[in-house]
Every structure is written in structure tokens, then in C-alpha cells.
């Protein structure tokens, strides 16, 4: 299962990168390519802002599910739900539902740093491909987090939105484009002005 996204991403990055290097400035013009270089950071900044906003959703959910647990007569609710606990303790339906919402936010940080660094490196050599790959990551990331937050404790439903899986394609694309860009710069194949 993991081979398919990797192969599709390698193929898209290879074809897109080759086309961009070989025909990009002639087809699009250097002005457009230079502007596309800044599309990647713009998408990353937007994704960062969305991540902050999504964090507020987690805070509201913590209060909501703690209140529901109290209404259902669960014991030690404050100790199990309140900060500094990142995840609520226990196995009740309210704990599981809250923990899925918390996970929808926490999982972002497992890939976001690597995605940002590789996207910024990739944008130096492949501004169009990297901006598209970063956009695919951002849209997929949104739908994966949305699916996680809406799954009401059943984490297997986190991919209920078809676009959620594309987060991994965008992430892998950024990693490939970023690594390729670094190799090109280090080897002298790409000059930085």
C-alpha cells in the first residue's frame, strides 16, 4: 500500500521537475517562475495559520467533552481531561472522541516541519512543482484533520474524505523535490543568484 503513493509521487515529481527544468523559463518566463517561488511560503503560512485556528477547536472540544463526561457521571473528570494532559485519560466514549480531536491537531506536527523545510528547499529549484505539491499537502492535511476531528472516537474514519490521503502525496512530493534541489545546489548543477 505504501509503494503506490511513493511511485505515483516519484513519477509526478520526475516528470514535473524535468519539464520545469527543461522548459519552465521558456514556457512560463522567468518572472512567473520567480513569483511561483513565493507561492510555496504563502501556502505554508496559510497552513500554519489554519493549524493555529484548529488548535482552538481542540480547546473547545476539551471543555465540551469534559462537561459531557461529568453529566454522564464519570469520575475524576478534571484530572483526566484538564491540562497538562495532552490527551484525556481513560476509555469512555467522551475520552475517545476528545482524543481523536486532539490527535487531529497533534498529528500535524509530525509532518509539518519536514514539509516546510523540504518545500522551501524545493522551491529554489522547482518553484511550480513545489508550490503544487505543497498545495496538495495543505488540502490533504485539512481533510485528514477534519476527518479525524469528526470521527467521534472511531479513528478508522479519519480518511472518510477522499482528499485526505493526498496529504501523503504532497508530503512525499515536497521531500523528493527538496532533496533533489539540495543535491542539485550542492553538486553545482543549480546556481543560486
Protein backbone atom coordinates (compact mmCIF):
# COMPACT_ATOMS: atom_id res chain seq x y z
CA UNK A 1 0.00 0.00 0.00
CA UNK A 2 2.83 2.42 0.81
CA UNK A 3 4.52 1.72 -2.53
CA UNK A 4 1.70 3.23 -4.60
CA UNK A 5 1.89 6.79 -3.16
CA UNK A 6 5.67 6.69 -3.40
CA UNK A 7 5.68 5.53 -7.02
CA UNK A 8 2.97 7.99 -8.08
CA UNK A 9 4.77 10.83 -6.31
CA UNK A 10 8.15 9.88 -7.78
CA UNK A 11 6.63 9.78 -11.26
CA UNK A 12 4.87 13.13 -10.91
CA UNK A 13 7.91 14.84 -9.39
CA UNK A 14 10.21 13.35 -12.01
CA UNK A 15 8.07 14.39 -14.96
CA UNK A 16 7.17 17.77 -13.46
CA UNK A 17 10.73 18.52 -12.39
CA UNK A 18 12.15 17.55 -15.78
CA UNK A 19 9.57 19.71 -17.57
CA UNK A 20 10.15 22.62 -15.23
CA UNK A 21 13.93 22.49 -15.55
CA UNK A 22 13.89 21.95 -19.29
CA UNK A 23 11.01 24.14 -20.39
CA UNK A 24 9.90 26.21 -17.40
CA UNK A 25 11.55 29.55 -18.09
CA UNK A 26 10.98 29.28 -21.85
CA UNK A 27 7.30 28.44 -21.44
CA UNK A 28 6.32 30.43 -18.38
CA UNK A 29 9.01 33.10 -18.33
CA UNK A 30 11.43 33.81 -15.52
CA UNK A 31 9.09 36.40 -13.98
CA UNK A 32 6.37 33.80 -13.45
CA UNK A 33 8.87 31.27 -12.07
CA UNK A 34 10.21 33.83 -9.61
CA UNK A 35 6.68 34.63 -8.42
CA UNK A 36 5.92 30.90 -8.09
CA UNK A 37 8.92 30.61 -5.76
CA UNK A 38 6.95 32.66 -3.24
CA UNK A 39 3.72 30.70 -3.68
CA UNK A 40 5.19 27.88 -1.58
CA UNK A 41 5.90 30.03 1.51
CA UNK A 42 2.49 31.69 1.09
CA UNK A 43 0.78 28.27 1.19
CA UNK A 44 2.88 27.26 4.21
CA UNK A 45 1.99 30.46 6.06
CA UNK A 46 -1.68 29.83 5.34
CA UNK A 47 -1.35 26.26 6.58
CA UNK A 48 0.38 27.50 9.73
CA UNK A 49 -2.44 29.95 10.42
CA UNK A 50 -5.03 27.22 9.84
CA UNK A 51 -3.10 24.98 12.28
CA UNK A 52 -3.34 27.70 14.92
CA UNK A 53 -7.09 28.05 14.35
CA UNK A 54 -7.52 24.27 14.50
CA UNK A 55 -5.81 24.32 17.91
CA UNK A 56 -8.64 26.50 19.24
CA UNK A 57 -11.07 23.78 18.15
CA UNK A 58 -9.18 21.34 20.37
CA UNK A 59 -9.52 23.70 23.34
CA UNK A 60 -13.27 23.96 22.84
CA UNK A 61 -13.55 20.18 22.47
CA UNK A 62 -11.64 19.64 25.74
CA UNK A 63 -14.25 21.67 27.62
CA UNK A 64 -17.18 20.13 25.74
CA UNK A 65 -16.22 16.50 26.35
CA UNK A 66 -15.22 17.13 29.98
CA UNK A 67 -18.71 18.56 30.58
CA UNK A 68 -20.33 15.60 28.82
CA UNK A 69 -18.28 13.20 30.93
CA UNK A 70 -19.37 14.99 34.11
CA UNK A 71 -23.02 14.82 33.02
CA UNK A 72 -22.68 11.07 32.44
CA UNK A 73 -21.30 10.67 35.97
CA UNK A 74 -17.70 9.80 35.09
CA UNK A 75 -15.21 10.12 37.95
CA UNK A 76 -12.12 12.32 38.18
CA UNK A 77 -13.07 14.20 35.04
CA UNK A 78 -10.93 17.27 35.76
CA UNK A 79 -7.82 15.18 36.42
CA UNK A 80 -8.35 13.14 33.26
CA UNK A 81 -9.27 15.96 30.82
CA UNK A 82 -7.53 19.10 32.05
CA UNK A 83 -4.13 20.34 31.00
CA UNK A 84 -1.27 19.47 31.32
CA UNK A 85 -2.68 16.20 29.97
CA UNK A 86 -2.30 16.40 26.22
CA UNK A 87 -4.73 13.51 25.77
CA UNK A 88 -7.59 12.69 28.13
CA UNK A 89 -7.08 9.62 30.29
CA UNK A 90 -9.46 6.66 30.22
CA UNK A 91 -11.52 4.72 27.70
CA UNK A 92 -15.01 6.24 27.81
CA UNK A 93 -16.75 7.40 24.66
CA UNK A 94 -16.12 11.04 25.63
CA UNK A 95 -12.40 10.43 26.20
CA UNK A 96 -12.07 8.63 22.87
CA UNK A 97 -13.98 11.33 20.99
CA UNK A 98 -11.87 14.11 22.52
CA UNK A 99 -8.62 12.23 21.92
CA UNK A 100 -9.43 11.91 18.22
CA UNK A 101 -9.91 15.68 18.00
CA UNK A 102 -6.64 16.20 19.88
CA UNK A 103 -4.94 13.75 17.54
CA UNK A 104 -6.29 15.66 14.52
CA UNK A 105 -4.21 18.60 15.70
CA UNK A 106 -1.21 16.79 17.14
CA UNK A 107 -0.60 14.72 14.01
CA UNK A 108 0.01 17.91 12.03
CA UNK A 109 3.26 18.47 13.93
CA UNK A 110 4.62 15.06 12.95
CA UNK A 111 5.00 16.12 9.32
CA UNK A 112 4.74 19.91 9.22
CA UNK A 113 8.37 20.80 9.97
CA UNK A 114 9.79 18.38 7.43
CA UNK A 115 7.19 19.51 4.90
CA UNK A 116 8.11 23.18 5.40
CA UNK A 117 11.87 22.69 5.20
CA UNK A 118 11.69 20.44 2.14
CA UNK A 119 9.15 22.73 0.44
CA UNK A 120 11.36 25.77 0.92
CA UNK A 121 14.39 23.89 -0.41
CA UNK A 122 12.39 22.51 -3.34
CA UNK A 123 11.01 25.93 -4.25
CA UNK A 124 14.53 27.16 -5.02
CA UNK A 125 14.90 24.79 -8.00
CA UNK A 126 11.33 23.71 -8.72
CA UNK A 127 9.02 26.61 -7.83
CA UNK A 128 5.97 25.43 -9.80
CA UNK A 129 6.14 21.74 -8.87
CA UNK A 130 6.85 22.53 -5.22
CA UNK A 131 4.01 25.03 -4.92
CA UNK A 132 1.62 22.46 -6.41
CA UNK A 133 2.96 19.72 -4.14
CA UNK A 134 2.63 22.00 -1.11
CA UNK A 135 -0.93 22.84 -2.08
CA UNK A 136 -1.75 19.13 -2.35
CA UNK A 137 -0.22 18.63 1.12
CA UNK A 138 -2.23 21.53 2.60
CA UNK A 139 -5.57 20.42 1.15
CA UNK A 140 -4.97 16.80 2.15
CA UNK A 141 -3.83 17.88 5.61
CA UNK A 142 -7.03 19.89 6.07
CA UNK A 143 -9.26 16.96 5.12
CA UNK A 144 -7.30 14.43 7.16
CA UNK A 145 -7.57 16.61 10.26
CA UNK A 146 -11.25 17.28 9.54
CA UNK A 147 -11.91 13.54 9.23
CA UNK A 148 -10.05 12.83 12.46
CA UNK A 149 -11.94 15.56 14.32
CA UNK A 150 -15.33 14.37 13.05
CA UNK A 151 -14.82 10.63 13.57
CA UNK A 152 -16.33 10.69 17.11
CA UNK A 153 -13.84 8.26 18.53
CA UNK A 154 -13.54 5.88 15.59
CA UNK A 155 -10.09 6.74 14.23
CA UNK A 156 -10.55 4.40 11.28
CA UNK A 157 -12.89 7.06 9.80
CA UNK A 158 -10.13 9.69 9.58
CA UNK A 159 -9.79 9.07 5.82
CA UNK A 160 -13.52 9.48 5.14
CA UNK A 161 -12.74 12.41 2.83
CA UNK A 162 -11.14 11.28 -0.42
CA UNK A 163 -8.72 14.21 -0.46
CA UNK A 164 -7.31 13.27 2.97
CA UNK A 165 -4.97 10.64 1.51
CA UNK A 166 -3.40 13.23 -0.79
CA UNK A 167 -1.67 14.79 2.20
CA UNK A 168 0.87 11.98 1.93
CA UNK A 169 1.38 12.59 -1.80
CA UNK A 170 2.09 16.26 -1.17
CA UNK A 171 4.36 15.45 1.75
CA UNK A 172 6.37 12.91 -0.26
CA UNK A 173 6.47 15.29 -3.21
CA UNK A 174 7.97 18.03 -1.08
CA UNK A 175 10.53 15.62 0.34
CA UNK A 176 11.57 14.45 -3.13
CA UNK A 177 11.68 17.95 -4.64
CA UNK A 178 13.51 19.37 -1.63
CA UNK A 179 16.13 16.62 -1.59
CA UNK A 180 16.63 16.89 -5.35
CA UNK A 181 17.01 20.66 -5.13
CA UNK A 182 19.61 20.31 -2.36
CA UNK A 183 21.59 17.74 -4.36
CA UNK A 184 21.49 20.00 -7.43
CA UNK A 185 22.72 23.01 -5.47
CA UNK A 186 25.43 21.12 -3.58
CA UNK A 187 26.71 19.42 -6.74
CA UNK A 188 26.82 22.73 -8.64
CA UNK A 189 24.11 21.77 -11.16
CA UNK A 190 22.00 24.68 -9.93
CA UNK A 191 23.41 28.12 -9.28
CA UNK A 192 21.76 30.38 -6.72
CA UNK A 193 21.73 34.04 -7.73
